């Protein structure tokens, strides 16, 4: 059961990291120099911290699951992140995009069920 918690934690952390990076990009415009903008950007530091948490969750997941079982679930990031972006940043997702997300979800289900143990 813990492998599910760690896998979900990784997906949530990596999705949150992408949203925080978007905020970091929007915030960095306010600073004069590029390097100063990165170093003084709290959104960037938050994104890096959350990414580190996601990596820790991923390592804990891989302790408990074969890579071939766990890895397809990372594709959920490509579904959840745009949905979060549409909600937070009012990005517009059209029908073609929704169809692509359905294909990704189908791929996750198919590949996660196609792994057998030796």
C-alpha atoms as a PDB file:
ATOM      1  CA  UNK A   1       0.000   0.000   0.000  1.00  0.00           C
ATOM      2  CA  UNK A   2       2.850   2.414   0.751  1.00  0.00           C
ATOM      3  CA  UNK A   3       4.063   2.124  -2.835  1.00  0.00           C
ATOM      4  CA  UNK A   4       0.780   3.704  -3.956  1.00  0.00           C
ATOM      5  CA  UNK A   5       1.223   6.558  -1.475  1.00  0.00           C
ATOM      6  CA  UNK A   6       4.796   7.211  -2.617  1.00  0.00           C
ATOM      7  CA  UNK A   7       3.870   6.976  -6.303  1.00  0.00           C
ATOM      8  CA  UNK A   8       0.963   9.391  -5.821  1.00  0.00           C
ATOM      9  CA  UNK A   9       3.268  11.672  -3.834  1.00  0.00           C
ATOM     10  CA  UNK A  10       5.741  11.763  -6.703  1.00  0.00           C
ATOM     11  CA  UNK A  11       3.008  12.575  -9.219  1.00  0.00           C
ATOM     12  CA  UNK A  12       1.598  15.346  -7.016  1.00  0.00           C
ATOM     13  CA  UNK A  13       5.054  16.783  -6.299  1.00  0.00           C
ATOM     14  CA  UNK A  14       6.101  16.841  -9.946  1.00  0.00           C
ATOM     15  CA  UNK A  15       2.803  18.400 -10.998  1.00  0.00           C
ATOM     16  CA  UNK A  16       3.093  21.022  -8.253  1.00  0.00           C
ATOM     17  CA  UNK A  17       6.675  21.677  -9.307  1.00  0.00           C
ATOM     18  CA  UNK A  18       5.573  22.520 -12.850  1.00  0.00           C
ATOM     19  CA  UNK A  19       2.917  24.916 -11.565  1.00  0.00           C
ATOM     20  CA  UNK A  20       5.475  26.547  -9.255  1.00  0.00           C
ATOM     21  CA  UNK A  21       7.919  26.859 -12.170  1.00  0.00           C
ATOM     22  CA  UNK A  22       5.235  28.710 -14.122  1.00  0.00           C
ATOM     23  CA  UNK A  23       4.827  31.102 -11.187  1.00  0.00           C
ATOM     24  CA  UNK A  24       8.632  31.414 -11.074  1.00  0.00           C
ATOM     25  CA  UNK A  25       8.693  32.337 -14.741  1.00  0.00           C
ATOM     26  CA  UNK A  26       5.997  34.951 -14.266  1.00  0.00           C
ATOM     27  CA  UNK A  27       7.755  36.359 -11.198  1.00  0.00           C
ATOM     28  CA  UNK A  28      11.265  36.466 -12.701  1.00  0.00           C
ATOM     29  CA  UNK A  29      10.242  39.269 -15.075  1.00  0.00           C
ATOM     30  CA  UNK A  30      10.094  41.614 -12.085  1.00  0.00           C
ATOM     31  CA  UNK A  31      13.851  41.356 -11.448  1.00  0.00           C
ATOM     32  CA  UNK A  32      16.433  43.226 -13.517  1.00  0.00           C
ATOM     33  CA  UNK A  33      19.165  40.619 -14.080  1.00  0.00           C
ATOM     34  CA  UNK A  34      18.503  37.039 -15.089  1.00  0.00           C
ATOM     35  CA  UNK A  35      20.789  35.514 -12.464  1.00  0.00           C
ATOM     36  CA  UNK A  36      19.474  37.791  -9.737  1.00  0.00           C
ATOM     37  CA  UNK A  37      15.954  36.990 -10.856  1.00  0.00           C
ATOM     38  CA  UNK A  38      16.578  33.276 -10.410  1.00  0.00           C
ATOM     39  CA  UNK A  39      18.398  33.499  -7.090  1.00  0.00           C
ATOM     40  CA  UNK A  40      15.845  35.835  -5.509  1.00  0.00           C
ATOM     41  CA  UNK A  41      12.786  34.076  -6.893  1.00  0.00           C
ATOM     42  CA  UNK A  42      10.922  32.295  -4.064  1.00  0.00           C
ATOM     43  CA  UNK A  43       8.752  30.412  -6.570  1.00  0.00           C
ATOM     44  CA  UNK A  44      11.837  28.826  -8.093  1.00  0.00           C
ATOM     45  CA  UNK A  45      13.124  27.696  -4.698  1.00  0.00           C
ATOM     46  CA  UNK A  46       9.705  26.279  -3.873  1.00  0.00           C
ATOM     47  CA  UNK A  47       9.665  24.398  -7.196  1.00  0.00           C
ATOM     48  CA  UNK A  48      13.133  22.956  -6.566  1.00  0.00           C
ATOM     49  CA  UNK A  49      12.150  21.888  -3.050  1.00  0.00           C
ATOM     50  CA  UNK A  50       8.965  20.208  -4.242  1.00  0.00           C
ATOM     51  CA  UNK A  51      10.901  18.499  -7.054  1.00  0.00           C
ATOM     52  CA  UNK A  52      13.336  17.123  -4.482  1.00  0.00           C
ATOM     53  CA  UNK A  53      10.367  15.755  -2.546  1.00  0.00           C
ATOM     54  CA  UNK A  54       9.112  14.133  -5.738  1.00  0.00           C
ATOM     55  CA  UNK A  55      12.478  12.497  -6.331  1.00  0.00           C
ATOM     56  CA  UNK A  56      12.462  11.119  -2.779  1.00  0.00           C
ATOM     57  CA  UNK A  57       8.971   9.701  -3.322  1.00  0.00           C
ATOM     58  CA  UNK A  58      10.100   8.180  -6.626  1.00  0.00           C
ATOM     59  CA  UNK A  59      13.084   6.476  -5.006  1.00  0.00           C
ATOM     60  CA  UNK A  60      10.833   5.067  -2.288  1.00  0.00           C
ATOM     61  CA  UNK A  61       8.423   3.865  -4.981  1.00  0.00           C
ATOM     62  CA  UNK A  62      11.206   2.097  -6.860  1.00  0.00           C
ATOM     63  CA  UNK A  63      12.214   0.274  -3.692  1.00  0.00           C
ATOM     64  CA  UNK A  64       8.822  -1.399  -3.696  1.00  0.00           C
ATOM     65  CA  UNK A  65       7.804  -1.683  -7.362  1.00  0.00           C
ATOM     66  CA  UNK A  66       9.533  -2.791 -10.554  1.00  0.00           C
ATOM     67  CA  UNK A  67      10.401   0.155 -12.797  1.00  0.00           C
ATOM     68  CA  UNK A  68       8.275  -1.303 -15.609  1.00  0.00           C
ATOM     69  CA  UNK A  69       5.239  -1.191 -13.303  1.00  0.00           C
ATOM     70  CA  UNK A  70       5.850   2.233 -11.760  1.00  0.00           C
ATOM     71  CA  UNK A  71       7.096   4.195 -14.763  1.00  0.00           C
ATOM     72  CA  UNK A  72       3.900   4.263 -16.872  1.00  0.00           C
ATOM     73  CA  UNK A  73       2.105   5.995 -13.997  1.00  0.00           C
ATOM     74  CA  UNK A  74       4.413   8.994 -14.368  1.00  0.00           C
ATOM     75  CA  UNK A  75       2.493   9.815 -17.554  1.00  0.00           C
ATOM     76  CA  UNK A  76      -0.332  11.025 -15.316  1.00  0.00           C
ATOM     77  CA  UNK A  77       1.783  14.138 -14.830  1.00  0.00           C
ATOM     78  CA  UNK A  78       1.027  14.973 -18.489  1.00  0.00           C
ATOM     79  CA  UNK A  79      -2.692  14.831 -17.730  1.00  0.00           C
ATOM     80  CA  UNK A  80      -2.852  16.432 -14.287  1.00  0.00           C
ATOM     81  CA  UNK A  81      -0.472  19.336 -14.994  1.00  0.00           C
ATOM     82  CA  UNK A  82      -2.473  20.789 -17.918  1.00  0.00           C
ATOM     83  CA  UNK A  83      -5.704  20.386 -15.945  1.00  0.00           C
ATOM     84  CA  UNK A  84      -4.154  22.235 -13.009  1.00  0.00           C
ATOM     85  CA  UNK A  85      -2.809  24.872 -15.377  1.00  0.00           C
ATOM     86  CA  UNK A  86      -6.253  25.358 -16.895  1.00  0.00           C
ATOM     87  CA  UNK A  87      -7.711  25.788 -13.437  1.00  0.00           C
ATOM     88  CA  UNK A  88      -4.988  28.071 -12.014  1.00  0.00           C
ATOM     89  CA  UNK A  89      -3.817  30.017 -15.076  1.00  0.00           C
ATOM     90  CA  UNK A  90      -7.025  29.696 -17.142  1.00  0.00           C
ATOM     91  CA  UNK A  91      -5.174  27.939 -19.965  1.00  0.00           C
ATOM     92  CA  UNK A  92      -7.594  26.747 -22.625  1.00  0.00           C
ATOM     93  CA  UNK A  93      -7.623  23.030 -23.435  1.00  0.00           C
ATOM     94  CA  UNK A  94      -9.528  22.090 -26.577  1.00  0.00           C
ATOM     95  CA  UNK A  95     -11.181  18.829 -27.585  1.00  0.00           C
ATOM     96  CA  UNK A  96      -8.095  17.553 -29.378  1.00  0.00           C
ATOM     97  CA  UNK A  97      -6.084  18.081 -26.204  1.00  0.00           C
ATOM     98  CA  UNK A  98      -8.720  16.227 -24.191  1.00  0.00           C
ATOM     99  CA  UNK A  99      -8.536  13.344 -26.668  1.00  0.00           C
ATOM    100  CA  UNK A 100      -4.773  13.227 -26.206  1.00  0.00           C
ATOM    101  CA  UNK A 101      -5.222  13.077 -22.446  1.00  0.00           C
ATOM    102  CA  UNK A 102      -7.649  10.176 -22.857  1.00  0.00           C
ATOM    103  CA  UNK A 103      -5.078   8.364 -24.982  1.00  0.00           C
ATOM    104  CA  UNK A 104      -2.450   8.926 -22.293  1.00  0.00           C
ATOM    105  CA  UNK A 105      -4.802   7.549 -19.641  1.00  0.00           C
ATOM    106  CA  UNK A 106      -5.525   4.539 -21.855  1.00  0.00           C
ATOM    107  CA  UNK A 107      -1.806   3.967 -22.282  1.00  0.00           C
ATOM    108  CA  UNK A 108      -1.250   4.100 -18.533  1.00  0.00           C
ATOM    109  CA  UNK A 109      -3.939   1.490 -17.950  1.00  0.00           C
ATOM    110  CA  UNK A 110      -2.733  -0.785 -20.766  1.00  0.00           C
ATOM    111  CA  UNK A 111       0.945  -0.660 -19.848  1.00  0.00           C
ATOM    112  CA  UNK A 112       0.415  -1.020 -16.115  1.00  0.00           C
ATOM    113  CA  UNK A 113      -1.601  -4.176 -16.680  1.00  0.00           C
ATOM    114  CA  UNK A 114       0.856  -5.638 -19.181  1.00  0.00           C
ATOM    115  CA  UNK A 115       3.759  -6.321 -16.803  1.00  0.00           C
ATOM    116  CA  UNK A 116       4.267  -9.801 -15.409  1.00  0.00           C
ATOM    117  CA  UNK A 117       6.725 -11.068 -12.826  1.00  0.00           C
ATOM    118  CA  UNK A 118       9.429 -13.597 -13.635  1.00  0.00           C
END
